[in-house]
C-alpha atoms as a PDB file:
ATOM      1  CA  UNK A   1      -6.050 194.466 151.006  1.00  0.00           C
ATOM      2  CA  UNK A   2      -8.275 194.594 147.947  1.00  0.00           C
ATOM      3  CA  UNK A   3     -10.757 197.005 149.493  1.00  0.00           C
ATOM      4  CA  UNK A   4      -8.355 199.214 151.406  1.00  0.00           C
ATOM      5  CA  UNK A   5      -7.696 199.579 155.078  1.00  0.00           C
ATOM      6  CA  UNK A   6     -10.432 200.247 157.618  1.00  0.00           C
ATOM      7  CA  UNK A   7      -9.101 203.783 157.986  1.00  0.00           C
ATOM      8  CA  UNK A   8      -9.282 204.501 154.254  1.00  0.00           C
ATOM      9  CA  UNK A   9     -12.784 203.012 154.069  1.00  0.00           C
ATOM     10  CA  UNK A  10     -13.857 205.231 156.983  1.00  0.00           C
ATOM     11  CA  UNK A  11     -12.410 208.293 155.246  1.00  0.00           C
ATOM     12  CA  UNK A  12     -14.154 207.357 152.005  1.00  0.00           C
ATOM     13  CA  UNK A  13     -17.480 206.950 153.789  1.00  0.00           C
ATOM     14  CA  UNK A  14     -16.961 210.283 155.565  1.00  0.00           C
ATOM     15  CA  UNK A  15     -16.209 211.989 152.244  1.00  0.00           C
ATOM     16  CA  UNK A  16     -19.333 210.536 150.615  1.00  0.00           C
ATOM     17  CA  UNK A  17     -21.515 211.534 153.574  1.00  0.00           C
ATOM     18  CA  UNK A  18     -20.111 215.071 153.568  1.00  0.00           C
ATOM     19  CA  UNK A  19     -20.765 215.470 149.853  1.00  0.00           C
ATOM     20  CA  UNK A  20     -24.307 214.103 150.200  1.00  0.00           C
ATOM     21  CA  UNK A  21     -24.898 216.433 153.163  1.00  0.00           C
ATOM     22  CA  UNK A  22     -23.531 219.407 151.240  1.00  0.00           C
ATOM     23  CA  UNK A  23     -25.739 218.538 148.272  1.00  0.00           C
ATOM     24  CA  UNK A  24     -28.836 218.305 150.481  1.00  0.00           C
ATOM     25  CA  UNK A  25     -27.982 221.640 152.098  1.00  0.00           C
ATOM     26  CA  UNK A  26     -27.272 223.308 148.749  1.00  0.00           C
ATOM     27  CA  UNK A  27     -30.456 222.013 147.135  1.00  0.00           C
ATOM     28  CA  UNK A  28     -32.480 223.199 150.128  1.00  0.00           C
ATOM     29  CA  UNK A  29     -30.786 226.601 150.041  1.00  0.00           C
ATOM     30  CA  UNK A  30     -31.283 226.842 146.275  1.00  0.00           C
ATOM     31  CA  UNK A  31     -35.039 226.661 146.633  1.00  0.00           C
ATOM     32  CA  UNK A  32     -35.254 228.478 149.982  1.00  0.00           C
ATOM     33  CA  UNK A  33     -33.441 231.460 148.488  1.00  0.00           C
ATOM     34  CA  UNK A  34     -35.663 231.444 145.392  1.00  0.00           C
ATOM     35  CA  UNK A  35     -32.808 230.768 143.005  1.00  0.00           C
ATOM     36  CA  UNK A  36     -35.033 229.485 140.163  1.00  0.00           C
ATOM     37  CA  UNK A  37     -36.521 232.982 139.916  1.00  0.00           C
ATOM     38  CA  UNK A  38     -33.250 234.898 140.050  1.00  0.00           C
ATOM     39  CA  UNK A  39     -31.022 236.081 137.233  1.00  0.00           C
ATOM     40  CA  UNK A  40     -28.905 233.503 135.418  1.00  0.00           C
ATOM     41  CA  UNK A  41     -25.709 235.114 136.739  1.00  0.00           C
ATOM     42  CA  UNK A  42     -26.877 234.664 140.348  1.00  0.00           C
ATOM     43  CA  UNK A  43     -27.816 231.050 139.676  1.00  0.00           C
ATOM     44  CA  UNK A  44     -24.450 230.432 138.061  1.00  0.00           C
ATOM     45  CA  UNK A  45     -22.592 231.983 141.012  1.00  0.00           C
ATOM     46  CA  UNK A  46     -24.535 229.754 143.409  1.00  0.00           C
ATOM     47  CA  UNK A  47     -23.731 226.621 141.407  1.00  0.00           C
ATOM     48  CA  UNK A  48     -20.058 227.589 141.081  1.00  0.00           C
ATOM     49  CA  UNK A  49     -19.821 228.059 144.859  1.00  0.00           C
ATOM     50  CA  UNK A  50     -21.526 224.714 145.419  1.00  0.00           C
ATOM     51  CA  UNK A  51     -19.172 223.002 142.977  1.00  0.00           C
ATOM     52  CA  UNK A  52     -16.091 224.570 144.586  1.00  0.00           C
ATOM     53  CA  UNK A  53     -17.225 223.430 148.043  1.00  0.00           C
ATOM     54  CA  UNK A  54     -17.737 219.891 146.714  1.00  0.00           C
ATOM     55  CA  UNK A  55     -14.326 219.965 145.045  1.00  0.00           C
ATOM     56  CA  UNK A  56     -12.655 221.101 148.277  1.00  0.00           C
ATOM     57  CA  UNK A  57     -14.187 218.214 150.237  1.00  0.00           C
ATOM     58  CA  UNK A  58     -13.238 215.633 147.613  1.00  0.00           C
ATOM     59  CA  UNK A  59      -9.657 216.895 147.184  1.00  0.00           C
ATOM     60  CA  UNK A  60      -8.973 216.954 150.927  1.00  0.00           C
ATOM     61  CA  UNK A  61     -10.338 213.461 151.544  1.00  0.00           C
ATOM     62  CA  UNK A  62      -8.785 211.865 148.474  1.00  0.00           C
ATOM     63  CA  UNK A  63      -5.429 213.347 149.532  1.00  0.00           C
ATOM     64  CA  UNK A  64      -5.815 211.783 152.986  1.00  0.00           C
ATOM     65  CA  UNK A  65      -6.798 208.419 151.489  1.00  0.00           C
ATOM     66  CA  UNK A  66      -3.818 208.530 149.154  1.00  0.00           C
ATOM     67  CA  UNK A  67      -1.457 209.275 152.051  1.00  0.00           C
ATOM     68  CA  UNK A  68      -2.757 206.217 153.899  1.00  0.00           C
ATOM     69  CA  UNK A  69      -2.460 204.053 150.783  1.00  0.00           C
ATOM     70  CA  UNK A  70       1.083 205.267 150.060  1.00  0.00           C
ATOM     71  CA  UNK A  71       2.161 204.696 153.670  1.00  0.00           C
ATOM     72  CA  UNK A  72       0.752 201.148 153.567  1.00  0.00           C
ATOM     73  CA  UNK A  73       2.620 200.476 150.317  1.00  0.00           C
ATOM     74  CA  UNK A  74       5.856 201.789 151.814  1.00  0.00           C
ATOM     75  CA  UNK A  75       6.153 204.704 149.418  1.00  0.00           C
ATOM     76  CA  UNK A  76       6.476 207.341 152.105  1.00  0.00           C
ATOM     77  CA  UNK A  77       5.343 210.884 151.592  1.00  0.00           C
ATOM     78  CA  UNK A  78       5.232 212.502 148.187  1.00  0.00           C
ATOM     79  CA  UNK A  79       6.695 215.928 147.638  1.00  0.00           C
ATOM     80  CA  UNK A  80       5.680 218.346 144.972  1.00  0.00           C
ATOM     81  CA  UNK A  81       8.206 220.735 143.596  1.00  0.00           C
END
């Protein structure tokens, strides 16, 4: 199982496609909304929102992949205290 299970590979591909889609949407919105001509604070807020959306996608999917990997390794669920 060097390359993971089919389920984890599917989740990884989904995560990558979602991030690429989000990037395409954000880049399009950046120019459609005229961000290059706006104040630096507005540009920064846009980029921070974009980064947070990317982070949310990555954290959710990596958590799901880790759950699958841990279940396959017999480690069960992890609890945070």
